[in-house]
Protein backbone atom coordinates (compact mmCIF):
# COMPACT_ATOMS: atom_id res chain seq x y z
CA MET A 1 95.61 -54.63 46.71
CA ALA A 2 95.95 -53.42 50.30
CA THR A 3 94.69 -49.60 51.33
CA MET A 4 97.38 -47.34 53.14
CA SER A 5 96.83 -45.98 56.22
CA GLY A 6 97.61 -42.55 57.46
CA GLY A 7 99.96 -39.90 56.02
CA GLU A 8 99.13 -40.13 52.11
CA GLY A 9 96.03 -38.77 53.54
CA ALA A 10 96.88 -35.90 55.43
CA GLY A 11 96.00 -32.41 54.33
CA MET A 12 94.21 -33.57 51.65
CA GLU A 13 90.96 -31.52 52.55
CA SER A 14 93.75 -28.84 51.38
CA THR A 15 92.65 -27.20 48.37
CA GLU A 16 96.32 -25.46 47.76
CA PRO A 17 98.29 -26.71 45.25
CA VAL A 18 100.71 -28.89 46.72
CA LEU A 19 103.22 -28.42 44.12
CA VAL A 20 103.95 -24.74 41.97
CA CYS A 21 106.49 -24.39 39.40
CA CYS A 22 106.80 -20.46 38.15
CA GLU A 23 108.67 -19.65 35.09
CA LEU A 24 111.56 -22.90 35.82
CA ARG A 25 114.36 -21.88 33.09
CA LYS A 26 117.76 -23.50 33.03
CA ALA A 27 120.73 -23.61 30.30
CA PHE A 28 123.39 -25.44 29.74
CA GLY A 29 125.87 -23.37 27.57
CA ASP A 30 124.35 -21.98 25.05
CA ARG A 31 121.52 -24.30 24.68
CA THR A 32 118.53 -23.06 26.91
CA ALA A 33 116.88 -26.87 28.26
CA VAL A 34 114.15 -25.19 29.92
CA ASP A 35 112.68 -22.10 29.00
CA GLY A 36 109.55 -20.66 31.40
CA VAL A 37 107.83 -23.58 32.29
CA SER A 38 105.14 -23.35 34.92
CA PHE A 39 102.70 -25.51 36.51
CA GLU A 40 100.79 -26.58 39.56
CA ILE A 41 99.45 -30.42 40.93
CA ALA A 42 96.48 -30.11 43.48
CA PRO A 43 95.71 -32.47 46.45
CA GLY A 44 94.38 -35.70 44.34
CA GLU A 45 95.87 -34.82 40.67
CA CYS A 46 97.34 -36.76 38.61
CA TYR A 47 99.40 -33.98 35.99
CA GLY A 48 101.25 -35.58 33.38
CA LEU A 49 104.23 -33.68 31.75
CA LEU A 50 104.14 -35.45 28.22
CA GLY A 51 107.03 -34.47 25.83
CA PRO A 52 109.62 -36.16 23.00
CA ASN A 53 112.83 -37.53 23.93
CA GLY A 54 115.04 -33.90 24.60
CA ALA A 55 112.15 -31.73 25.21
CA GLY A 56 113.17 -30.66 28.64
CA LYS A 57 111.46 -33.34 31.03
CA THR A 58 114.16 -34.35 32.91
CA THR A 59 115.28 -31.23 33.59
CA THR A 60 112.34 -29.88 34.92
CA ILE A 61 111.79 -33.05 36.97
CA SER A 62 115.51 -32.28 38.45
CA MET A 63 114.49 -28.64 39.53
CA LEU A 64 111.25 -29.25 40.98
CA CYS A 65 112.92 -31.85 43.24
CA GLY A 66 115.92 -29.71 44.46
CA LEU A 67 118.19 -31.88 42.61
CA LEU A 68 119.55 -29.75 39.97
CA GLU A 69 119.90 -25.96 40.86
CA ARG A 70 117.82 -23.73 38.09
CA ASP A 71 118.97 -20.52 36.23
CA GLY A 72 115.23 -18.94 37.17
CA GLY A 73 112.04 -19.61 38.70
CA GLU A 74 110.37 -20.61 41.64
CA VAL A 75 109.18 -24.22 43.32
CA THR A 76 107.03 -24.38 46.11
CA VAL A 77 106.01 -28.21 47.43
CA GLY A 78 103.49 -28.27 50.34
CA GLY A 79 103.90 -24.57 50.67
CA GLU A 80 107.65 -25.10 51.52
CA PRO A 81 110.47 -23.34 49.22
CA MET A 82 112.27 -25.58 47.17
CA GLU A 83 116.27 -24.86 47.26
CA HIS A 84 119.13 -26.94 46.33
CA THR A 85 119.51 -27.21 50.00
CA SER A 86 115.88 -27.33 51.21
CA VAL A 87 115.00 -30.29 53.56
CA GLY A 88 111.65 -29.84 54.30
CA ALA A 89 110.25 -29.24 50.73
CA LYS A 90 112.69 -32.36 49.60
CA ALA A 91 110.81 -34.58 52.38
CA ALA A 92 107.33 -33.39 51.01
CA ILE A 93 108.95 -35.49 47.56
CA GLY A 94 108.39 -39.40 46.89
CA TYR A 95 111.01 -39.40 43.61
CA VAL A 96 110.68 -42.49 41.70
CA PRO A 97 113.57 -42.50 39.03
CA GLN A 98 113.93 -44.43 35.76
CA GLU A 99 116.41 -46.35 37.12
CA ILE A 100 116.29 -48.84 39.54
CA ALA A 101 117.15 -47.25 42.97
CA LEU A 102 117.58 -50.48 44.89
CA TYR A 103 120.07 -53.02 46.18
CA PRO A 104 119.66 -55.92 44.05
CA GLU A 105 121.70 -58.28 46.62
CA LEU A 106 118.66 -57.01 49.26
CA SER A 107 115.72 -58.74 49.95
CA ALA A 108 112.68 -56.28 48.84
CA GLY A 109 111.96 -55.66 52.58
CA ASP A 110 115.51 -54.79 54.03
CA ASN A 111 116.00 -52.45 50.62
CA LEU A 112 112.36 -50.44 52.09
CA ARG A 113 114.15 -50.66 55.32
CA PHE A 114 117.41 -49.65 54.82
CA PHE A 115 115.66 -46.54 53.01
CA GLY A 116 112.58 -46.10 55.52
CA ARG A 117 116.00 -45.32 58.51
CA LEU A 118 117.20 -42.96 55.48
CA TYR A 119 113.62 -41.01 56.36
CA GLY A 120 114.31 -41.05 60.29
CA LEU A 121 111.69 -43.94 60.51
CA SER A 122 112.60 -46.90 62.97
CA GLY A 123 110.82 -49.56 65.25
CA ARG A 124 107.20 -50.24 64.50
CA THR A 125 106.40 -47.35 62.57
CA LEU A 126 109.12 -48.29 60.25
CA GLU A 127 107.76 -52.02 60.16
CA ASP A 128 104.05 -51.06 59.80
CA ARG A 129 105.52 -48.42 56.60
CA VAL A 130 107.27 -51.27 55.16
CA THR A 131 104.59 -53.26 55.52
CA GLU A 132 101.56 -50.89 53.88
CA THR A 133 104.42 -49.67 51.33
CA ILE A 134 105.02 -53.58 49.79
CA ALA A 135 101.07 -54.61 50.00
CA ALA A 136 100.31 -51.31 48.13
CA VAL A 137 102.31 -52.41 45.24
CA GLY A 138 100.94 -56.02 45.75
CA LEU A 139 104.36 -57.08 46.86
CA THR A 140 103.64 -58.61 49.87
CA ASP A 141 104.56 -62.09 49.13
CA ARG A 142 107.60 -61.46 47.65
CA ILE A 143 109.11 -59.44 50.90
CA LYS A 144 111.62 -61.57 51.86
CA ASP A 145 112.85 -62.16 48.00
CA ARG A 146 116.39 -61.15 46.89
CA VAL A 147 115.28 -58.00 44.38
CA GLY A 148 117.91 -59.25 42.15
CA ASP A 149 115.51 -61.95 41.69
CA PHE A 150 112.87 -59.82 40.14
CA SER A 151 111.23 -59.75 37.07
CA GLY A 152 112.06 -55.96 35.83
CA GLY A 153 107.79 -54.77 36.38
CA MET A 154 108.30 -56.10 39.96
CA LYS A 155 111.13 -54.15 40.60
CA ARG A 156 110.07 -50.94 39.20
CA ARG A 157 106.91 -51.72 41.94
CA ALA A 158 108.94 -52.28 44.92
CA ASN A 159 111.22 -49.01 43.42
CA ILE A 160 107.58 -46.92 43.58
CA ALA A 161 107.08 -48.77 47.46
CA ALA A 162 110.45 -46.88 48.13
CA GLY A 163 109.05 -43.64 47.47
CA LEU A 164 105.78 -44.29 49.46
CA LEU A 165 107.81 -45.11 52.70
CA HIS A 166 108.00 -41.45 54.31
CA GLN A 167 104.07 -40.62 53.27
CA PRO A 168 104.81 -37.69 50.81
CA LYS A 169 102.70 -35.22 49.51
CA LEU A 170 104.05 -35.40 46.17
CA LEU A 171 104.80 -38.57 44.43
CA VAL A 172 106.94 -38.35 41.25
CA LEU A 173 106.92 -41.02 38.75
CA ASP A 174 109.14 -41.05 35.99
CA GLU A 175 108.25 -43.40 33.57
CA PRO A 176 107.41 -46.05 35.75
CA THR A 177 106.41 -48.95 33.27
CA VAL A 178 109.25 -48.63 30.53
CA GLY A 179 110.38 -52.34 29.82
CA VAL A 180 107.82 -53.99 31.99
CA ASP A 181 105.45 -56.90 31.35
CA PRO A 182 101.80 -56.04 30.99
CA GLN A 183 100.63 -57.75 34.23
CA SER A 184 103.48 -55.76 36.07
CA ARG A 185 101.84 -52.19 33.88
CA ASN A 186 98.49 -52.93 35.12
CA ALA A 187 99.49 -53.63 38.47
CA ILE A 188 101.22 -50.19 38.47
CA MET A 189 98.61 -48.48 36.89
CA GLU A 190 96.22 -49.58 39.75
CA THR A 191 98.32 -48.88 42.16
CA VAL A 192 98.96 -44.98 40.62
CA LEU A 193 95.24 -44.64 40.56
CA GLU A 194 94.39 -46.00 44.21
CA LEU A 195 97.08 -43.29 45.07
CA ARG A 196 95.45 -40.89 43.32
CA ASP A 197 91.84 -41.55 44.48
CA ARG A 198 92.86 -41.05 48.37
CA GLY A 199 94.25 -37.74 47.17
CA MET A 200 98.18 -37.93 46.53
CA ALA A 201 99.02 -35.17 43.85
CA ILE A 202 101.22 -37.39 41.56
CA LEU A 203 103.18 -35.94 39.00
CA TYR A 204 103.58 -38.30 36.06
CA THR A 205 105.68 -38.97 32.75
CA THR A 206 105.49 -41.64 30.67
CA HIS A 207 106.18 -42.18 26.57
CA TYR A 208 102.48 -44.23 26.60
CA MET A 209 99.60 -41.85 25.82
CA GLU A 210 97.14 -44.83 26.92
CA GLU A 211 98.59 -44.18 29.91
CA ALA A 212 98.22 -40.50 30.09
CA GLU A 213 94.81 -40.98 29.40
CA ARG A 214 93.57 -43.26 31.57
CA LEU A 215 95.68 -41.83 34.99
CA CYS A 216 96.28 -38.01 34.59
CA HIS A 217 93.39 -35.53 35.15
CA ARG A 218 95.30 -32.69 33.45
CA VAL A 219 98.32 -33.16 30.82
CA GLY A 220 101.06 -30.65 29.70
CA ILE A 221 103.13 -30.91 26.62
CA ILE A 222 106.56 -29.62 26.54
CA ASP A 223 108.84 -29.44 23.82
CA GLY A 224 111.95 -27.21 23.18
CA GLY A 225 111.97 -26.70 26.71
CA ARG A 226 108.49 -24.86 26.87
CA LEU A 227 105.25 -25.73 28.00
CA ILE A 228 103.43 -25.58 24.26
CA ALA A 229 99.63 -26.54 25.75
CA GLU A 230 98.07 -27.37 28.86
CA GLY A 231 94.95 -29.05 29.95
CA THR A 232 92.40 -31.73 30.32
CA ARG A 233 91.93 -34.74 27.91
CA ARG A 234 88.69 -32.67 26.60
CA GLU A 235 90.35 -29.41 26.38
CA LEU A 236 93.33 -30.37 24.40
CA VAL A 237 90.88 -32.46 22.09
CA GLY A 238 89.19 -29.43 21.95
CA ARG A 239 91.91 -28.08 20.06
CA ILE A 240 91.60 -29.76 17.38
CA SER A 241 88.02 -30.28 16.68
CA GLY A 242 87.36 -30.31 12.87
CA LEU A 243 90.76 -32.39 11.91
CA ASP A 244 90.62 -35.93 10.99
CA ARG A 245 93.88 -38.36 12.32
CA ILE A 246 95.01 -40.18 9.00
CA ALA A 247 97.09 -43.08 9.77
CA LEU A 248 99.53 -44.78 6.81
CA THR A 249 101.09 -48.48 7.11
CA ALA A 250 103.61 -47.86 5.03
CA GLY A 251 107.25 -49.23 4.85
CA GLY A 252 110.68 -48.42 2.55
CA ASP A 253 112.05 -45.15 2.72
CA LEU A 254 109.38 -42.48 3.85
CA SER A 255 111.05 -39.27 3.56
CA GLU A 256 109.47 -38.27 -0.07
CA LEU A 257 106.06 -39.41 0.77
CA LYS A 258 106.21 -36.92 3.77
CA ALA A 259 107.24 -34.22 1.36
CA LEU A 260 104.57 -34.81 -0.49
CA CYS A 261 101.71 -35.16 2.08
CA GLN A 262 103.15 -31.97 3.41
CA GLY A 263 102.33 -30.43 0.29
CA LEU A 264 98.72 -31.47 -0.12
CA ASP A 265 96.21 -28.99 0.63
CA GLY A 266 94.60 -29.36 3.93
CA VAL A 267 97.33 -30.95 5.40
CA THR A 268 98.28 -29.36 9.06
CA THR A 269 100.77 -32.06 10.06
CA VAL A 270 102.79 -35.00 8.92
CA ALA A 271 104.95 -37.46 11.22
CA VAL A 272 106.69 -40.09 10.86
CA THR A 273 105.39 -42.73 13.24
CA SER A 274 106.70 -46.58 14.18
CA GLU A 275 103.90 -48.09 11.47
CA GLY A 276 104.40 -45.30 8.89
CA LEU A 277 102.87 -42.01 8.53
CA GLU A 278 100.04 -40.05 10.45
CA LEU A 279 98.43 -36.99 9.08
CA LEU A 280 95.78 -34.21 9.86
CA ALA A 281 93.41 -32.36 7.86
CA PRO A 282 90.26 -31.21 8.12
CA ASP A 283 88.56 -33.46 5.89
CA GLY A 284 90.30 -37.02 5.72
CA GLY A 285 87.93 -38.64 3.70
CA GLN A 286 88.27 -36.53 0.86
CA ILE A 287 91.80 -36.39 0.81
CA LEU A 288 92.60 -40.38 1.01
CA ALA A 289 92.62 -40.56 -3.21
CA ARG A 290 95.32 -37.91 -2.91
CA VAL A 291 97.25 -39.63 -0.35
CA VAL A 292 97.42 -42.84 -2.00
CA GLU A 293 98.55 -40.89 -5.12
CA ALA A 294 101.29 -39.52 -3.30
CA ALA A 295 102.41 -42.58 -1.87
CA THR A 296 102.76 -44.35 -5.32
CA ARG A 297 104.75 -41.68 -6.55
CA ALA A 298 106.94 -41.89 -3.71
CA GLY A 299 106.99 -45.62 -4.56
CA ALA A 300 106.13 -46.34 -0.87
CA ALA A 301 104.58 -49.70 0.23
CA LEU A 302 101.29 -48.75 1.78
CA THR A 303 99.75 -51.58 3.46
CA GLY A 304 96.96 -49.59 5.26
CA VAL A 305 94.98 -46.25 5.44
CA GLU A 306 92.63 -45.44 8.74
CA ILE A 307 91.13 -42.86 9.70
CA VAL A 308 90.58 -42.71 13.69
CA GLU A 309 89.22 -40.20 16.26
CA PRO A 310 91.25 -37.25 17.26
CA ASP A 311 92.69 -38.13 20.77
CA LEU A 312 95.76 -36.55 22.90
CA GLU A 313 98.31 -38.69 20.48
CA ALA A 314 96.95 -36.39 17.76
CA VAL A 315 97.20 -33.21 19.74
CA PHE A 316 100.58 -34.62 20.01
CA LEU A 317 101.18 -34.83 17.18
CA LEU A 318 99.50 -31.16 15.99
CA LEU A 319 101.70 -29.47 18.42
CA THR A 320 105.11 -31.30 18.19
CA GLY A 321 105.11 -33.17 14.61
CA LYS A 322 106.02 -36.04 16.55
CA GLU A 323 105.25 -39.80 18.11
CA LEU A 324 105.31 -39.17 21.64
CA ARG A 325 107.58 -42.49 21.36
CA ASP A 326 110.11 -40.49 19.36
């Protein structure tokens, strides 16, 4: 993967936060979507914003990028106040949405030239940036190919290149690996790691906890429109020290089994997962016999029981009662 020159490194020696969000609020009618969300991102930091569907992530991102007017709170990007009509603050952001924001009939290179001109780039500067950004996402050999012929993963990588053209201070990646093949997913994560390690501030949302564990220095967990926890992996996992995570593989109607498990002494959290149920309890070994008995009473087809070391997934489960992929 090529190393990109110039811009992203500019000002990276500063210790001032690149992004500051303070008490962001947004309501849609009677529904409060975001309720007092505050966080900062420093140069060279990848910050993971995690939450179940409907938690307020997209609304928060739309406000901090200046795409949606907020009801309250403040945002600064690179020291510039962000308002709905701000130009300087918006220019400091490279926003890569979930949807592919490219023209399928154009080649990858022509897409980047088009967006580069929108950023005010031209001539040799534009061509250099196109060359550098397409190399950064590993698509140099496909620069002349039509984007409509790309795989889903290649389209997402080209989407990231478009967000890097103008050398932003903050890169916002909204679920950049959704629906991509393993090779492209790994390529995207390698690109994020390289950008992060060269000093770019990155806001990263994902539905894959292993990505957050690998890429993010700090994680903020948002649920019900509020930031309910924030910290490094070690800090967050430390919140559930002394609890075991019990993973049950089971089929059938799990609602009765969930209710029975919630009634067991010592069980703090029970959540339905894609494979069955997950429980948090102080002593997983001692509670297993009662869990198996509960499965028998509920008529659930229990095919596997495992006690696993607490991790970010367990913290998320404890705080939200849901899997990240819910």
